[in-house]
C-alpha atoms as a PDB file:
ATOM      1  CA  MET A   1      31.791  11.553  -6.584  1.00  0.00           C
ATOM      2  CA  ASN A   2      31.820  11.481 -10.381  1.00  0.00           C
ATOM      3  CA  GLN A   3      33.822   8.527 -11.547  1.00  0.00           C
ATOM      4  CA  GLN A   4      34.202   7.200 -15.081  1.00  0.00           C
ATOM      5  CA  GLY A   5      35.953   3.842 -15.046  1.00  0.00           C
ATOM      6  CA  SER A   6      38.623   3.221 -17.638  1.00  0.00           C
ATOM      7  CA  GLY A   7      37.130   1.130 -20.424  1.00  0.00           C
ATOM      8  CA  ARG A   8      33.811   0.708 -18.609  1.00  0.00           C
ATOM      9  CA  PRO A   9      30.483   1.574 -20.278  1.00  0.00           C
ATOM     10  CA  PHE A  10      29.183   3.172 -17.066  1.00  0.00           C
ATOM     11  CA  ARG A  11      30.074   5.762 -14.450  1.00  0.00           C
ATOM     12  CA  LEU A  12      29.376   6.222 -10.744  1.00  0.00           C
ATOM     13  CA  ARG A  13      28.007   9.523  -9.481  1.00  0.00           C
ATOM     14  CA  ASP A  14      26.341  10.908  -6.353  1.00  0.00           C
ATOM     15  CA  PHE A  15      22.673  10.142  -5.755  1.00  0.00           C
ATOM     16  CA  THR A  16      20.213  13.044  -6.071  1.00  0.00           C
ATOM     17  CA  VAL A  17      16.483  13.296  -5.340  1.00  0.00           C
ATOM     18  CA  GLU A  18      15.876  13.325  -9.099  1.00  0.00           C
ATOM     19  CA  ASP A  19      17.038   9.697  -9.092  1.00  0.00           C
ATOM     20  CA  ILE A  20      14.165   8.519  -6.873  1.00  0.00           C
ATOM     21  CA  PRO A  21      11.872   7.413  -9.751  1.00  0.00           C
ATOM     22  CA  TYR A  22      14.706   5.316 -11.198  1.00  0.00           C
ATOM     23  CA  GLU A  23      15.415   3.813  -7.777  1.00  0.00           C
ATOM     24  CA  VAL A  24      11.745   2.880  -7.354  1.00  0.00           C
ATOM     25  CA  ALA A  25      11.632   1.361 -10.849  1.00  0.00           C
ATOM     26  CA  ILE A  26      14.651  -0.856 -10.127  1.00  0.00           C
ATOM     27  CA  LEU A  27      13.258  -1.884  -6.729  1.00  0.00           C
ATOM     28  CA  ASN A  28       9.905  -2.830  -8.233  1.00  0.00           C
ATOM     29  CA  ARG A  29      11.522  -4.720 -11.097  1.00  0.00           C
ATOM     30  CA  THR A  30      13.529  -6.678  -8.521  1.00  0.00           C
ATOM     31  CA  TYR A  31      10.774  -7.167  -5.907  1.00  0.00           C
ATOM     32  CA  PRO A  32       7.437  -6.781  -7.747  1.00  0.00           C
ATOM     33  CA  ASP A  33       5.370  -8.545  -5.084  1.00  0.00           C
ATOM     34  CA  GLU A  34       5.798  -5.734  -2.506  1.00  0.00           C
ATOM     35  CA  PRO A  35       5.766  -2.631  -4.719  1.00  0.00           C
ATOM     36  CA  MET A  36       7.184   0.722  -3.651  1.00  0.00           C
ATOM     37  CA  THR A  37       5.949   4.112  -4.823  1.00  0.00           C
ATOM     38  CA  VAL A  38       7.762   7.343  -5.552  1.00  0.00           C
ATOM     39  CA  GLU A  39       5.629   8.966  -2.843  1.00  0.00           C
ATOM     40  CA  MET A  40       6.938   6.514  -0.236  1.00  0.00           C
ATOM     41  CA  VAL A  41      10.581   7.089  -1.081  1.00  0.00           C
ATOM     42  CA  GLU A  42      10.157  10.858  -1.351  1.00  0.00           C
ATOM     43  CA  HIS A  43       8.636  10.866   2.131  1.00  0.00           C
ATOM     44  CA  TRP A  44      11.594   8.941   3.539  1.00  0.00           C
ATOM     45  CA  GLU A  45      13.955  11.355   1.815  1.00  0.00           C
ATOM     46  CA  ARG A  46      12.194  14.422   3.277  1.00  0.00           C
ATOM     47  CA  THR A  47      12.111  13.021   6.804  1.00  0.00           C
ATOM     48  CA  TYR A  48      15.525  11.340   6.860  1.00  0.00           C
ATOM     49  CA  PRO A  49      17.389  12.393  10.040  1.00  0.00           C
ATOM     50  CA  GLN A  50      20.124  14.681   8.791  1.00  0.00           C
ATOM     51  CA  ASP A  51      22.560  13.672  11.530  1.00  0.00           C
ATOM     52  CA  ASN A  52      22.456  10.003  10.504  1.00  0.00           C
ATOM     53  CA  PRO A  53      25.553   9.191   8.382  1.00  0.00           C
ATOM     54  CA  ARG A  54      25.072   7.763   4.893  1.00  0.00           C
ATOM     55  CA  LEU A  55      26.697   7.624   1.459  1.00  0.00           C
ATOM     56  CA  ARG A  56      24.771   6.959  -1.761  1.00  0.00           C
ATOM     57  CA  TYR A  57      25.777   6.476  -5.388  1.00  0.00           C
ATOM     58  CA  VAL A  58      24.023   5.635  -8.619  1.00  0.00           C
ATOM     59  CA  VAL A  59      25.422   4.054 -11.763  1.00  0.00           C
ATOM     60  CA  GLU A  60      24.718   5.635 -15.146  1.00  0.00           C
ATOM     61  CA  TRP A  61      25.166   3.601 -18.301  1.00  0.00           C
ATOM     62  CA  GLU A  62      26.932   5.256 -21.215  1.00  0.00           C
ATOM     63  CA  ASP A  63      23.564   6.324 -22.670  1.00  0.00           C
ATOM     64  CA  GLY A  64      22.656   8.138 -19.423  1.00  0.00           C
ATOM     65  CA  GLN A  65      20.274   5.486 -18.105  1.00  0.00           C
ATOM     66  CA  VAL A  66      20.386   4.913 -14.338  1.00  0.00           C
ATOM     67  CA  VAL A  67      20.905   1.175 -13.926  1.00  0.00           C
ATOM     68  CA  ALA A  68      21.911   0.711 -10.293  1.00  0.00           C
ATOM     69  CA  PHE A  69      22.152   2.349  -6.896  1.00  0.00           C
ATOM     70  CA  GLY A  70      24.165   1.636  -3.775  1.00  0.00           C
ATOM     71  CA  SER A  71      24.450   2.968  -0.256  1.00  0.00           C
ATOM     72  CA  CYS A  72      26.190   2.620   3.071  1.00  0.00           C
ATOM     73  CA  ILE A  73      24.164   3.873   6.029  1.00  0.00           C
ATOM     74  CA  HIS A  74      24.088   3.843   9.796  1.00  0.00           C
ATOM     75  CA  PRO A  75      20.917   1.883  10.706  1.00  0.00           C
ATOM     76  CA  ILE A  76      18.050   4.159  11.785  1.00  0.00           C
ATOM     77  CA  GLY A  77      16.151   3.492  14.994  1.00  0.00           C
ATOM     78  CA  MET A  78      18.204   0.461  15.960  1.00  0.00           C
ATOM     79  CA  SER A  79      20.972  -0.424  18.349  1.00  0.00           C
ATOM     80  CA  THR A  80      23.603  -2.277  16.339  1.00  0.00           C
ATOM     81  CA  PRO A  81      26.966  -3.742  17.432  1.00  0.00           C
ATOM     82  CA  GLY A  82      29.176  -1.336  15.462  1.00  0.00           C
ATOM     83  CA  ALA A  83      27.506  -2.160  12.148  1.00  0.00           C
ATOM     84  CA  TYR A  84      26.716  -0.137   9.032  1.00  0.00           C
ATOM     85  CA  TRP A  85      24.169  -1.252   6.453  1.00  0.00           C
ATOM     86  CA  VAL A  86      25.213  -1.772   2.818  1.00  0.00           C
ATOM     87  CA  GLU A  87      22.822  -2.041  -0.116  1.00  0.00           C
ATOM     88  CA  VAL A  88      23.577  -2.631  -3.790  1.00  0.00           C
ATOM     89  CA  MET A  89      20.758  -2.944  -6.304  1.00  0.00           C
ATOM     90  CA  VAL A  90      21.346  -3.482 -10.023  1.00  0.00           C
ATOM     91  CA  HIS A  91      18.680  -3.514 -12.726  1.00  0.00           C
ATOM     92  CA  PRO A  92      18.262  -7.161 -13.832  1.00  0.00           C
ATOM     93  CA  ASP A  93      19.133  -6.282 -17.438  1.00  0.00           C
ATOM     94  CA  PHE A  94      22.541  -4.889 -16.415  1.00  0.00           C
ATOM     95  CA  ARG A  95      23.840  -7.549 -14.070  1.00  0.00           C
ATOM     96  CA  HIS A  96      27.030  -9.573 -14.587  1.00  0.00           C
ATOM     97  CA  ARG A  97      28.796  -6.541 -16.122  1.00  0.00           C
ATOM     98  CA  GLY A  98      30.823  -5.401 -13.113  1.00  0.00           C
ATOM     99  CA  VAL A  99      28.275  -2.812 -11.969  1.00  0.00           C
ATOM    100  CA  GLY A 100      27.573  -4.377  -8.574  1.00  0.00           C
ATOM    101  CA  GLN A 101      31.243  -4.909  -7.796  1.00  0.00           C
ATOM    102  CA  ALA A 102      32.053  -1.307  -8.680  1.00  0.00           C
ATOM    103  CA  LEU A 103      29.267  -0.002  -6.446  1.00  0.00           C
ATOM    104  CA  LEU A 104      30.219  -2.201  -3.524  1.00  0.00           C
ATOM    105  CA  ALA A 105      33.856  -1.141  -3.771  1.00  0.00           C
ATOM    106  CA  ALA A 106      32.704   2.490  -3.708  1.00  0.00           C
ATOM    107  CA  VAL A 107      30.353   2.345  -0.704  1.00  0.00           C
ATOM    108  CA  GLU A 108      32.074  -0.089   1.669  1.00  0.00           C
ATOM    109  CA  PRO A 109      34.978   2.263   2.587  1.00  0.00           C
ATOM    110  CA  PHE A 110      32.489   4.780   3.970  1.00  0.00           C
ATOM    111  CA  GLY A 111      31.381   2.353   6.685  1.00  0.00           C
ATOM    112  CA  TRP A 112      34.942   1.504   7.641  1.00  0.00           C
ATOM    113  CA  ALA A 113      35.828   5.207   7.730  1.00  0.00           C
ATOM    114  CA  GLN A 114      32.926   5.820  10.142  1.00  0.00           C
ATOM    115  CA  GLY A 115      34.453   3.294  12.530  1.00  0.00           C
ATOM    116  CA  ALA A 116      32.224   0.337  11.728  1.00  0.00           C
ATOM    117  CA  GLY A 117      33.527  -3.033  12.853  1.00  0.00           C
ATOM    118  CA  ARG A 118      31.218  -4.880  10.492  1.00  0.00           C
ATOM    119  CA  LEU A 119      29.012  -4.320   7.459  1.00  0.00           C
ATOM    120  CA  TRP A 120      25.568  -5.827   7.070  1.00  0.00           C
ATOM    121  CA  ALA A 121      23.569  -6.629   3.953  1.00  0.00           C
ATOM    122  CA  ASN A 122      20.632  -8.825   2.977  1.00  0.00           C
ATOM    123  CA  CYS A 123      19.133 -10.619   0.007  1.00  0.00           C
ATOM    124  CA  ARG A 124      16.257 -12.936  -0.729  1.00  0.00           C
ATOM    125  CA  GLU A 125      17.054 -16.569  -0.065  1.00  0.00           C
ATOM    126  CA  ASP A 126      15.724 -17.547  -3.504  1.00  0.00           C
ATOM    127  CA  SER A 127      18.204 -15.266  -5.320  1.00  0.00           C
ATOM    128  CA  ALA A 128      21.137 -17.548  -6.140  1.00  0.00           C
ATOM    129  CA  GLU A 129      23.045 -14.779  -7.947  1.00  0.00           C
ATOM    130  CA  SER A 130      22.740 -12.440  -4.945  1.00  0.00           C
ATOM    131  CA  ILE A 131      23.999 -15.172  -2.635  1.00  0.00           C
ATOM    132  CA  ARG A 132      26.997 -15.805  -4.895  1.00  0.00           C
ATOM    133  CA  PHE A 133      27.676 -12.062  -5.046  1.00  0.00           C
ATOM    134  CA  ALA A 134      27.653 -11.729  -1.249  1.00  0.00           C
ATOM    135  CA  GLU A 135      29.883 -14.748  -0.711  1.00  0.00           C
ATOM    136  CA  TYR A 136      32.344 -13.613  -3.393  1.00  0.00           C
ATOM    137  CA  ALA A 137      32.521 -10.189  -1.702  1.00  0.00           C
ATOM    138  CA  GLY A 138      33.492 -11.769   1.616  1.00  0.00           C
ATOM    139  CA  TYR A 139      30.161 -11.709   3.442  1.00  0.00           C
ATOM    140  CA  SER A 140      29.036 -14.537   5.741  1.00  0.00           C
ATOM    141  CA  ASN A 141      25.461 -15.536   6.449  1.00  0.00           C
ATOM    142  CA  ILE A 142      24.412 -14.704  10.031  1.00  0.00           C
ATOM    143  CA  GLY A 143      20.695 -15.449   9.969  1.00  0.00           C
ATOM    144  CA  ILE A 144      17.404 -15.164   8.185  1.00  0.00           C
ATOM    145  CA  ARG A 145      14.192 -13.210   8.616  1.00  0.00           C
ATOM    146  CA  PHE A 146      11.240 -15.275   7.520  1.00  0.00           C
ATOM    147  CA  GLU A 147       8.577 -13.842   5.255  1.00  0.00           C
ATOM    148  CA  SER A 148       5.143 -15.395   5.312  1.00  0.00           C
ATOM    149  CA  ALA A 149       1.757 -14.682   3.773  1.00  0.00           C
ATOM    150  CA  LEU A 150      -1.870 -15.312   4.661  1.00  0.00           C
ATOM    151  CA  ASP A 151      -4.691 -15.518   2.120  1.00  0.00           C
ATOM    152  CA  LEU A 152      -7.383 -13.288   3.607  1.00  0.00           C
ATOM    153  CA  GLU A 153     -10.028 -14.471   1.150  1.00  0.00           C
ATOM    154  CA  THR A 154      -9.889 -18.050   2.417  1.00  0.00           C
ATOM    155  CA  PHE A 155      -8.979 -17.370   6.052  1.00  0.00           C
ATOM    156  CA  ASP A 156     -11.596 -18.561   8.559  1.00  0.00           C
ATOM    157  CA  GLU A 157     -11.385 -16.851  11.936  1.00  0.00           C
ATOM    158  CA  THR A 158     -13.882 -19.204  13.631  1.00  0.00           C
ATOM    159  CA  PRO A 159     -11.332 -21.438  15.428  1.00  0.00           C
ATOM    160  CA  PHE A 160      -9.611 -18.385  16.926  1.00  0.00           C
ATOM    161  CA  VAL A 161     -12.341 -15.912  17.921  1.00  0.00           C
ATOM    162  CA  GLY A 162     -12.296 -17.181  21.506  1.00  0.00           C
ATOM    163  CA  ALA A 163      -9.284 -14.901  21.950  1.00  0.00           C
ATOM    164  CA  PHE A 164     -11.658 -11.915  22.058  1.00  0.00           C
ATOM    165  CA  ASP A 165     -13.631 -13.364  24.988  1.00  0.00           C
ATOM    166  CA  ARG A 166     -10.454 -14.441  26.727  1.00  0.00           C
ATOM    167  CA  MET A 167      -8.905 -10.991  26.698  1.00  0.00           C
ATOM    168  CA  ALA A 168     -12.215  -9.294  27.528  1.00  0.00           C
ATOM    169  CA  GLN A 169     -12.649 -11.513  30.596  1.00  0.00           C
ATOM    170  CA  ALA A 170      -9.161 -10.486  31.688  1.00  0.00           C
ATOM    171  CA  GLY A 171     -10.178  -6.823  31.472  1.00  0.00           C
ATOM    172  CA  TYR A 172      -8.672  -5.817  28.126  1.00  0.00           C
ATOM    173  CA  THR A 173     -10.245  -3.916  25.230  1.00  0.00           C
ATOM    174  CA  ILE A 174      -9.174  -3.154  21.647  1.00  0.00           C
ATOM    175  CA  THR A 175      -8.977   0.332  20.157  1.00  0.00           C
ATOM    176  CA  THR A 176      -7.048   2.087  17.407  1.00  0.00           C
ATOM    177  CA  HIS A 177      -4.486   4.845  17.341  1.00  0.00           C
ATOM    178  CA  ALA A 178      -6.981   6.995  15.436  1.00  0.00           C
ATOM    179  CA  ALA A 179      -9.408   6.688  18.361  1.00  0.00           C
ATOM    180  CA  GLU A 180      -6.667   7.342  20.906  1.00  0.00           C
ATOM    181  CA  ARG A 181      -5.724  10.568  19.138  1.00  0.00           C
ATOM    182  CA  GLY A 182      -9.284  11.736  19.820  1.00  0.00           C
ATOM    183  CA  ARG A 183      -8.852  10.986  23.520  1.00  0.00           C
ATOM    184  CA  HIS A 184      -5.287  12.050  24.277  1.00  0.00           C
ATOM    185  CA  ALA A 185      -3.267  15.034  23.068  1.00  0.00           C
ATOM    186  CA  ASP A 186      -0.114  12.987  23.647  1.00  0.00           C
ATOM    187  CA  ALA A 187      -1.394   9.864  21.861  1.00  0.00           C
ATOM    188  CA  ASP A 188       1.645   9.684  19.559  1.00  0.00           C
ATOM    189  CA  GLN A 189       3.999   9.761  22.546  1.00  0.00           C
ATOM    190  CA  ARG A 190       1.964   7.078  24.331  1.00  0.00           C
ATOM    191  CA  LEU A 191       2.071   4.871  21.231  1.00  0.00           C
ATOM    192  CA  PHE A 192       5.812   5.426  20.918  1.00  0.00           C
ATOM    193  CA  GLU A 193       6.402   4.335  24.505  1.00  0.00           C
ATOM    194  CA  LEU A 194       4.322   1.184  23.964  1.00  0.00           C
ATOM    195  CA  PHE A 195       6.107   0.414  20.695  1.00  0.00           C
ATOM    196  CA  SER A 196       9.548   0.918  22.278  1.00  0.00           C
ATOM    197  CA  GLN A 197       8.770  -1.390  25.190  1.00  0.00           C
ATOM    198  CA  ALA A 198       6.961  -4.064  23.195  1.00  0.00           C
ATOM    199  CA  MET A 199       9.623  -4.210  20.482  1.00  0.00           C
ATOM    200  CA  ALA A 200      12.585  -4.210  22.897  1.00  0.00           C
ATOM    201  CA  ASP A 201      12.495  -8.008  23.035  1.00  0.00           C
ATOM    202  CA  VAL A 202      12.247  -8.556  19.267  1.00  0.00           C
ATOM    203  CA  PRO A 203      15.505 -10.139  18.017  1.00  0.00           C
ATOM    204  CA  PHE A 204      17.231  -9.400  14.717  1.00  0.00           C
ATOM    205  CA  PRO A 205      20.228 -11.138  13.104  1.00  0.00           C
ATOM    206  CA  GLY A 206      23.596  -9.962  14.379  1.00  0.00           C
ATOM    207  CA  GLY A 207      22.318  -8.884  17.779  1.00  0.00           C
ATOM    208  CA  ALA A 208      20.508  -5.732  16.602  1.00  0.00           C
ATOM    209  CA  ARG A 209      17.622  -4.375  18.631  1.00  0.00           C
ATOM    210  CA  ILE A 210      15.000  -1.740  17.903  1.00  0.00           C
ATOM    211  CA  GLU A 211      15.907   1.507  19.684  1.00  0.00           C
ATOM    212  CA  PRO A 212      13.789   4.288  18.166  1.00  0.00           C
ATOM    213  CA  VAL A 213      13.982   8.042  18.757  1.00  0.00           C
ATOM    214  CA  PHE A 214      10.562   9.658  19.100  1.00  0.00           C
ATOM    215  CA  GLU A 215      10.772  12.510  16.590  1.00  0.00           C
ATOM    216  CA  THR A 216      12.446  10.357  13.939  1.00  0.00           C
ATOM    217  CA  TRP A 217       9.952   7.534  14.492  1.00  0.00           C
ATOM    218  CA  ARG A 218       7.000   9.933  14.330  1.00  0.00           C
ATOM    219  CA  THR A 219       7.980  11.686  11.106  1.00  0.00           C
ATOM    220  CA  PHE A 220       9.825   8.877   9.309  1.00  0.00           C
ATOM    221  CA  ILE A 221       7.408   6.038  10.155  1.00  0.00           C
ATOM    222  CA  LEU A 222       4.146   7.161  11.735  1.00  0.00           C
ATOM    223  CA  GLU A 223       3.514   9.935   9.197  1.00  0.00           C
ATOM    224  CA  GLY A 224       4.475   7.788   6.205  1.00  0.00           C
ATOM    225  CA  PRO A 225       2.104   7.383   3.230  1.00  0.00           C
ATOM    226  CA  THR A 226       1.501   3.674   3.942  1.00  0.00           C
ATOM    227  CA  ILE A 227       0.456   4.256   7.562  1.00  0.00           C
ATOM    228  CA  ASP A 228      -3.144   4.861   8.626  1.00  0.00           C
ATOM    229  CA  PRO A 229      -3.826   5.533  12.354  1.00  0.00           C
ATOM    230  CA  ALA A 230      -7.013   3.480  11.941  1.00  0.00           C
ATOM    231  CA  ALA A 231      -4.814   0.514  10.965  1.00  0.00           C
ATOM    232  CA  ILE A 232      -2.812   0.575  14.207  1.00  0.00           C
ATOM    233  CA  PHE A 233      -4.690  -1.667  16.625  1.00  0.00           C
ATOM    234  CA  LEU A 234      -4.085  -1.314  20.339  1.00  0.00           C
ATOM    235  CA  ALA A 235      -4.947  -3.385  23.393  1.00  0.00           C
ATOM    236  CA  LYS A 236      -5.776  -1.520  26.609  1.00  0.00           C
ATOM    237  CA  ARG A 237      -6.489  -2.329  30.217  1.00  0.00           C
ATOM    238  CA  GLY A 238      -8.218   0.686  31.641  1.00  0.00           C
ATOM    239  CA  ASP A 239      -6.287   3.548  30.084  1.00  0.00           C
ATOM    240  CA  GLU A 240      -2.985   1.642  29.871  1.00  0.00           C
ATOM    241  CA  LEU A 241      -1.758   0.583  26.432  1.00  0.00           C
ATOM    242  CA  VAL A 242      -0.388  -2.953  26.597  1.00  0.00           C
ATOM    243  CA  GLY A 243      -0.205  -4.324  23.032  1.00  0.00           C
ATOM    244  CA  LEU A 244      -0.261  -3.387  19.362  1.00  0.00           C
ATOM    245  CA  THR A 245      -0.481  -4.613  15.804  1.00  0.00           C
ATOM    246  CA  ALA A 246       0.462  -2.022  13.166  1.00  0.00           C
ATOM    247  CA  LEU A 247      -0.170  -2.375   9.446  1.00  0.00           C
ATOM    248  CA  GLU A 248       1.595  -0.950   6.405  1.00  0.00           C
ATOM    249  CA  LEU A 249      -0.946  -0.538   3.606  1.00  0.00           C
ATOM    250  CA  LEU A 250       0.915  -0.893   0.329  1.00  0.00           C
ATOM    251  CA  VAL A 251      -0.560   0.517  -2.880  1.00  0.00           C
ATOM    252  CA  ASP A 252      -1.303  -2.262  -5.394  1.00  0.00           C
ATOM    253  CA  GLY A 253       0.283  -4.791  -3.077  1.00  0.00           C
ATOM    254  CA  PRO A 254      -0.373  -6.733   0.121  1.00  0.00           C
ATOM    255  CA  ALA A 255      -0.878  -5.239   3.560  1.00  0.00           C
ATOM    256  CA  ILE A 256       2.178  -5.787   5.765  1.00  0.00           C
ATOM    257  CA  THR A 257       2.039  -6.424   9.496  1.00  0.00           C
ATOM    258  CA  GLY A 258       4.883  -4.115  10.441  1.00  0.00           C
ATOM    259  CA  SER A 259       4.904  -5.007  14.125  1.00  0.00           C
ATOM    260  CA  THR A 260       2.961  -7.029  16.669  1.00  0.00           C
ATOM    261  CA  GLY A 261       3.905  -6.908  20.323  1.00  0.00           C
ATOM    262  CA  VAL A 262       2.512  -7.218  23.838  1.00  0.00           C
ATOM    263  CA  LEU A 263       4.147  -5.966  27.011  1.00  0.00           C
ATOM    264  CA  ARG A 264       5.776  -8.857  28.842  1.00  0.00           C
ATOM    265  CA  GLU A 265       3.575  -8.731  31.950  1.00  0.00           C
ATOM    266  CA  HIS A 266       0.394  -8.890  29.841  1.00  0.00           C
ATOM    267  CA  ARG A 267       1.284 -11.848  27.641  1.00  0.00           C
ATOM    268  CA  GLY A 268      -0.614 -15.140  27.711  1.00  0.00           C
ATOM    269  CA  GLN A 269      -4.050 -13.492  27.668  1.00  0.00           C
ATOM    270  CA  GLY A 270      -4.874 -13.958  23.964  1.00  0.00           C
ATOM    271  CA  ILE A 271      -4.061 -10.317  23.224  1.00  0.00           C
ATOM    272  CA  ALA A 272      -1.748 -10.859  20.249  1.00  0.00           C
ATOM    273  CA  MET A 273      -4.217 -13.273  18.634  1.00  0.00           C
ATOM    274  CA  ALA A 274      -7.136 -10.872  19.091  1.00  0.00           C
ATOM    275  CA  LEU A 275      -5.162  -7.948  17.695  1.00  0.00           C
ATOM    276  CA  LYS A 276      -4.177  -9.978  14.631  1.00  0.00           C
ATOM    277  CA  LEU A 277      -7.786 -11.036  14.034  1.00  0.00           C
ATOM    278  CA  GLU A 278      -8.982  -7.443  14.347  1.00  0.00           C
ATOM    279  CA  SER A 279      -6.377  -6.382  11.793  1.00  0.00           C
ATOM    280  CA  PHE A 280      -7.518  -9.141   9.395  1.00  0.00           C
ATOM    281  CA  ARG A 281     -11.088  -7.833   9.559  1.00  0.00           C
ATOM    282  CA  PHE A 282      -9.855  -4.326   8.781  1.00  0.00           C
ATOM    283  CA  MET A 283      -7.770  -5.482   5.830  1.00  0.00           C
ATOM    284  CA  LYS A 284     -10.687  -7.411   4.351  1.00  0.00           C
ATOM    285  CA  GLN A 285     -12.895  -4.328   4.650  1.00  0.00           C
ATOM    286  CA  ARG A 286     -10.244  -2.306   2.823  1.00  0.00           C
ATOM    287  CA  GLY A 287     -10.171  -4.840  -0.016  1.00  0.00           C
ATOM    288  CA  TYR A 288      -6.834  -6.498   0.710  1.00  0.00           C
ATOM    289  CA  ARG A 289      -6.637 -10.135  -0.314  1.00  0.00           C
ATOM    290  CA  GLU A 290      -3.278 -10.970   1.285  1.00  0.00           C
ATOM    291  CA  THR A 291      -1.279  -9.949   4.329  1.00  0.00           C
ATOM    292  CA  ARG A 292       2.403 -10.566   4.948  1.00  0.00           C
ATOM    293  CA  ALA A 293       4.721 -10.654   7.950  1.00  0.00           C
ATOM    294  CA  HIS A 294       8.492 -10.625   8.477  1.00  0.00           C
ATOM    295  CA  ASN A 295       9.855 -12.406  11.535  1.00  0.00           C
ATOM    296  CA  ASP A 296      13.236 -13.547  12.784  1.00  0.00           C
ATOM    297  CA  THR A 297      14.032 -17.205  13.412  1.00  0.00           C
ATOM    298  CA  ALA A 298      14.930 -16.264  17.007  1.00  0.00           C
ATOM    299  CA  ASN A 299      11.349 -15.108  17.681  1.00  0.00           C
ATOM    300  CA  PRO A 300       9.462 -18.418  18.083  1.00  0.00           C
ATOM    301  CA  PRO A 301       6.301 -17.050  19.798  1.00  0.00           C
ATOM    302  CA  ILE A 302       5.232 -14.939  16.820  1.00  0.00           C
ATOM    303  CA  LEU A 303       6.316 -17.639  14.365  1.00  0.00           C
ATOM    304  CA  GLU A 304       4.137 -20.143  16.239  1.00  0.00           C
ATOM    305  CA  LEU A 305       1.208 -17.705  16.260  1.00  0.00           C
ATOM    306  CA  ASN A 306       1.488 -17.108  12.514  1.00  0.00           C
ATOM    307  CA  ALA A 307       1.745 -20.845  11.836  1.00  0.00           C
ATOM    308  CA  LYS A 308      -1.405 -21.456  13.903  1.00  0.00           C
ATOM    309  CA  LEU A 309      -3.243 -18.815  11.865  1.00  0.00           C
ATOM    310  CA  GLY A 310      -2.242 -20.507   8.607  1.00  0.00           C
ATOM    311  CA  TYR A 311       0.469 -18.253   7.214  1.00  0.00           C
ATOM    312  CA  ARG A 312       2.449 -19.950   4.449  1.00  0.00           C
ATOM    313  CA  ARG A 313       6.198 -19.645   4.218  1.00  0.00           C
ATOM    314  CA  LEU A 314       7.671 -17.420   1.485  1.00  0.00           C
ATOM    315  CA  PRO A 315      11.337 -16.963   0.563  1.00  0.00           C
ATOM    316  CA  GLY A 316      12.927 -15.142   3.479  1.00  0.00           C
ATOM    317  CA  TRP A 317      15.674 -12.551   3.735  1.00  0.00           C
ATOM    318  CA  LEU A 318      19.191 -13.812   4.393  1.00  0.00           C
ATOM    319  CA  ALA A 319      21.293 -11.559   6.618  1.00  0.00           C
ATOM    320  CA  TRP A 320      24.971 -11.137   5.739  1.00  0.00           C
ATOM    321  CA  GLU A 321      27.953  -9.749   7.625  1.00  0.00           C
ATOM    322  CA  LYS A 322      31.458  -8.696   6.642  1.00  0.00           C
ATOM    323  CA  MET A 323      33.947  -8.045   9.419  1.00  0.00           C
ATOM    324  CA  ARG A 324      36.606  -5.352   9.323  1.00  0.00           C
ATOM    325  CA  ALA A 325      39.769  -7.050   8.092  1.00  0.00           C
ATOM    326  CA  GLU A 326      41.867  -6.481  11.212  1.00  0.00           C
ATOM    327  CA  THR A 327      39.096  -7.880  13.477  1.00  0.00           C
ATOM    328  CA  VAL A 328      38.589 -11.154  11.594  1.00  0.00           C
END
């Protein structure tokens, strides 16, 4: 696509890998508290599964500056009810000039053409202009994923350390994926199977569920620049993996708890609490002062655990849905 709108001071064109630095700059201007790096996005670009449908555009201003990007993509590693994911991001200095509307009008038809029955999008709940944009475009709110933060410098683990004794008495131990790689040639596959089972019960807005594919998960996620095998904490009973807490270590930002889960038959033994505490110790040793978590409102056990630990609520992510016209 190479489209110059009549009378508009900008044009839409296809996204290229040379646009990644501009994409990262716009993302970090919009969400400075969880900064991205060019290395992160370049990794995702290199490992993106080529059979996964997507369409991407950027917007160039009349002086050649890239001021926005947009995409429509089939969600990766998830089971979704006929949904495609839409994203539109405009540099704050170029909003309210028709850029977002032009991008959305360009990317939405791709999802419908792929047979999608609905389109999904999200925005921060404290962004009034994004909410107005979504509502004006015909999207309806279908849920929210909470974001919360814990101050590691002031956190006191004393009231919670009994979880270590509790799980030990029940026959469980804690290790890391780095250690497991030294013990098992198929450690990545074993971790994948644990992750798939533990995350199967995690709810997302719109009825989506995590449904990863091993090779995509391994290259796209596990080998990413923010992942350290020593920062993936595992609970074991004997040689069986039964629970995990995995961290994403952002550069010049907080550490993110990407996932915490325990197999259903091993819950209620203090495992999740002990794994979280072990991860806090690791993050403090690495110099992180804050950790964050993202959780759905339909996942009360982890929300209750985070509240007990003292996480404070941050603006969450509103989930939006637009139905295909003939199915409304």
